[in-house]
Amino acid sequence: MASKRPYKPERPIVEVLEEIKSLSGIFYNPDVINALFEIKEEVIEKYSK
């Protein structure tokens, strides 16, 4: 979602994280999403470079 694709541009990481959070329990395991959001700032920093 956050990576550039030949068929669409990359999306901002904050937008991607919000979409992932909204799909917690639907497409994604809530425990995994909770773990991701515990390190959210690190993820944002990595993808913002």
N, C-alpha and C. Protein backbone atom coordinates (compact mmCIF):
# COMPACT_ATOMS: atom_id res chain seq x y z
N MET A 1 0.81 -1.20 0.00
CA MET A 1 0.00 0.00 0.00
C MET A 1 0.85 1.26 0.00
N ALA A 2 1.95 1.21 0.73
CA ALA A 2 2.78 2.41 0.85
C ALA A 2 3.89 2.44 -0.20
N SER A 3 4.01 1.39 -0.98
CA SER A 3 5.04 1.33 -2.01
C SER A 3 4.48 1.77 -3.36
N LYS A 4 5.34 2.39 -4.14
CA LYS A 4 4.95 2.80 -5.49
C LYS A 4 4.73 1.55 -6.34
N ARG A 5 3.67 1.56 -7.10
CA ARG A 5 3.35 0.45 -8.01
C ARG A 5 3.32 0.99 -9.44
N PRO A 6 3.55 0.13 -10.41
CA PRO A 6 3.49 0.60 -11.80
C PRO A 6 2.12 1.17 -12.18
N TYR A 7 1.08 0.69 -11.51
CA TYR A 7 -0.28 1.07 -11.87
C TYR A 7 -0.89 2.12 -10.93
N LYS A 8 -0.17 2.48 -9.84
CA LYS A 8 -0.67 3.56 -8.97
C LYS A 8 0.45 4.08 -8.09
N PRO A 9 0.34 5.33 -7.68
CA PRO A 9 1.39 5.93 -6.86
C PRO A 9 1.35 5.43 -5.42
N GLU A 10 2.45 5.66 -4.72
CA GLU A 10 2.49 5.29 -3.31
C GLU A 10 1.54 6.16 -2.50
N ARG A 11 1.10 5.66 -1.36
CA ARG A 11 0.20 6.40 -0.49
C ARG A 11 0.96 6.81 0.77
N PRO A 12 0.58 7.90 1.39
CA PRO A 12 1.25 8.30 2.63
C PRO A 12 1.08 7.23 3.72
N ILE A 13 2.12 7.00 4.48
CA ILE A 13 2.11 5.93 5.47
C ILE A 13 1.02 6.14 6.52
N VAL A 14 0.76 7.38 6.89
CA VAL A 14 -0.29 7.64 7.89
C VAL A 14 -1.65 7.20 7.35
N GLU A 15 -1.90 7.46 6.09
CA GLU A 15 -3.15 7.03 5.45
C GLU A 15 -3.24 5.50 5.41
N VAL A 16 -2.13 4.87 5.09
CA VAL A 16 -2.09 3.41 5.03
C VAL A 16 -2.37 2.80 6.40
N LEU A 17 -1.75 3.36 7.43
CA LEU A 17 -1.95 2.84 8.78
C LEU A 17 -3.41 2.98 9.22
N GLU A 18 -4.03 4.09 8.87
CA GLU A 18 -5.44 4.27 9.23
C GLU A 18 -6.34 3.27 8.51
N GLU A 19 -6.02 2.99 7.25
CA GLU A 19 -6.80 1.98 6.53
C GLU A 19 -6.62 0.60 7.14
N ILE A 20 -5.39 0.27 7.47
CA ILE A 20 -5.11 -1.02 8.11
C ILE A 20 -5.88 -1.13 9.42
N LYS A 21 -5.85 -0.06 10.21
CA LYS A 21 -6.57 -0.06 11.49
C LYS A 21 -8.07 -0.26 11.28
N SER A 22 -8.62 0.38 10.26
CA SER A 22 -10.06 0.26 10.01
C SER A 22 -10.46 -1.14 9.57
N LEU A 23 -9.50 -1.90 9.06
CA LEU A 23 -9.77 -3.27 8.60
C LEU A 23 -9.36 -4.33 9.62
N SER A 24 -8.95 -3.88 10.81
CA SER A 24 -8.60 -4.80 11.89
C SER A 24 -9.81 -5.64 12.26
N GLY A 25 -9.60 -6.94 12.30
CA GLY A 25 -10.70 -7.85 12.61
C GLY A 25 -11.51 -8.27 11.40
N ILE A 26 -11.29 -7.58 10.28
CA ILE A 26 -11.97 -7.93 9.02
C ILE A 26 -10.99 -8.66 8.11
N PHE A 27 -9.89 -7.95 7.76
CA PHE A 27 -8.85 -8.56 6.93
C PHE A 27 -7.60 -8.89 7.73
N TYR A 28 -7.39 -8.19 8.83
CA TYR A 28 -6.14 -8.32 9.60
C TYR A 28 -6.42 -8.76 11.02
N ASN A 29 -5.54 -9.58 11.55
CA ASN A 29 -5.64 -10.06 12.92
C ASN A 29 -5.48 -8.87 13.87
N PRO A 30 -6.44 -8.63 14.75
CA PRO A 30 -6.37 -7.49 15.67
C PRO A 30 -5.12 -7.49 16.56
N ASP A 31 -4.64 -8.67 16.94
CA ASP A 31 -3.42 -8.73 17.76
C ASP A 31 -2.21 -8.20 17.00
N VAL A 32 -2.15 -8.52 15.72
CA VAL A 32 -1.05 -8.04 14.88
C VAL A 32 -1.16 -6.53 14.69
N ILE A 33 -2.36 -6.04 14.47
CA ILE A 33 -2.57 -4.60 14.28
C ILE A 33 -2.22 -3.85 15.56
N ASN A 34 -2.60 -4.38 16.71
CA ASN A 34 -2.24 -3.75 17.98
C ASN A 34 -0.72 -3.68 18.15
N ALA A 35 -0.03 -4.75 17.78
CA ALA A 35 1.44 -4.76 17.85
C ALA A 35 2.03 -3.72 16.89
N LEU A 36 1.47 -3.62 15.70
CA LEU A 36 1.93 -2.63 14.73
C LEU A 36 1.78 -1.22 15.29
N PHE A 37 0.64 -0.95 15.92
CA PHE A 37 0.39 0.40 16.43
C PHE A 37 1.21 0.70 17.68
N GLU A 38 1.76 -0.31 18.33
CA GLU A 38 2.68 -0.06 19.44
C GLU A 38 3.99 0.52 18.93
N ILE A 39 4.34 0.22 17.68
CA ILE A 39 5.58 0.76 17.09
C ILE A 39 5.27 1.72 15.94
N LYS A 40 4.10 2.29 15.96
CA LYS A 40 3.62 3.17 14.89
C LYS A 40 4.62 4.27 14.54
N GLU A 41 5.16 4.94 15.54
CA GLU A 41 6.08 6.05 15.28
C GLU A 41 7.34 5.58 14.55
N GLU A 42 7.84 4.40 14.89
CA GLU A 42 9.01 3.84 14.21
C GLU A 42 8.67 3.54 12.75
N VAL A 43 7.49 3.02 12.51
CA VAL A 43 7.05 2.69 11.14
C VAL A 43 6.93 3.99 10.33
N ILE A 44 6.32 5.00 10.90
CA ILE A 44 6.17 6.28 10.20
C ILE A 44 7.52 6.86 9.88
N GLU A 45 8.45 6.81 10.83
CA GLU A 45 9.80 7.34 10.60
C GLU A 45 10.50 6.60 9.47
N LYS A 46 10.39 5.28 9.44
CA LYS A 46 11.05 4.49 8.40
C LYS A 46 10.49 4.80 7.02
N TYR A 47 9.18 4.92 6.90
CA TYR A 47 8.57 5.15 5.60
C TYR A 47 8.59 6.62 5.18
N SER A 48 8.94 7.50 6.09
CA SER A 48 8.99 8.92 5.76
C SER A 48 10.33 9.34 5.19
N LYS A 49 11.28 8.44 5.15
CA LYS A 49 12.62 8.76 4.63
C LYS A 49 12.65 8.73 3.13
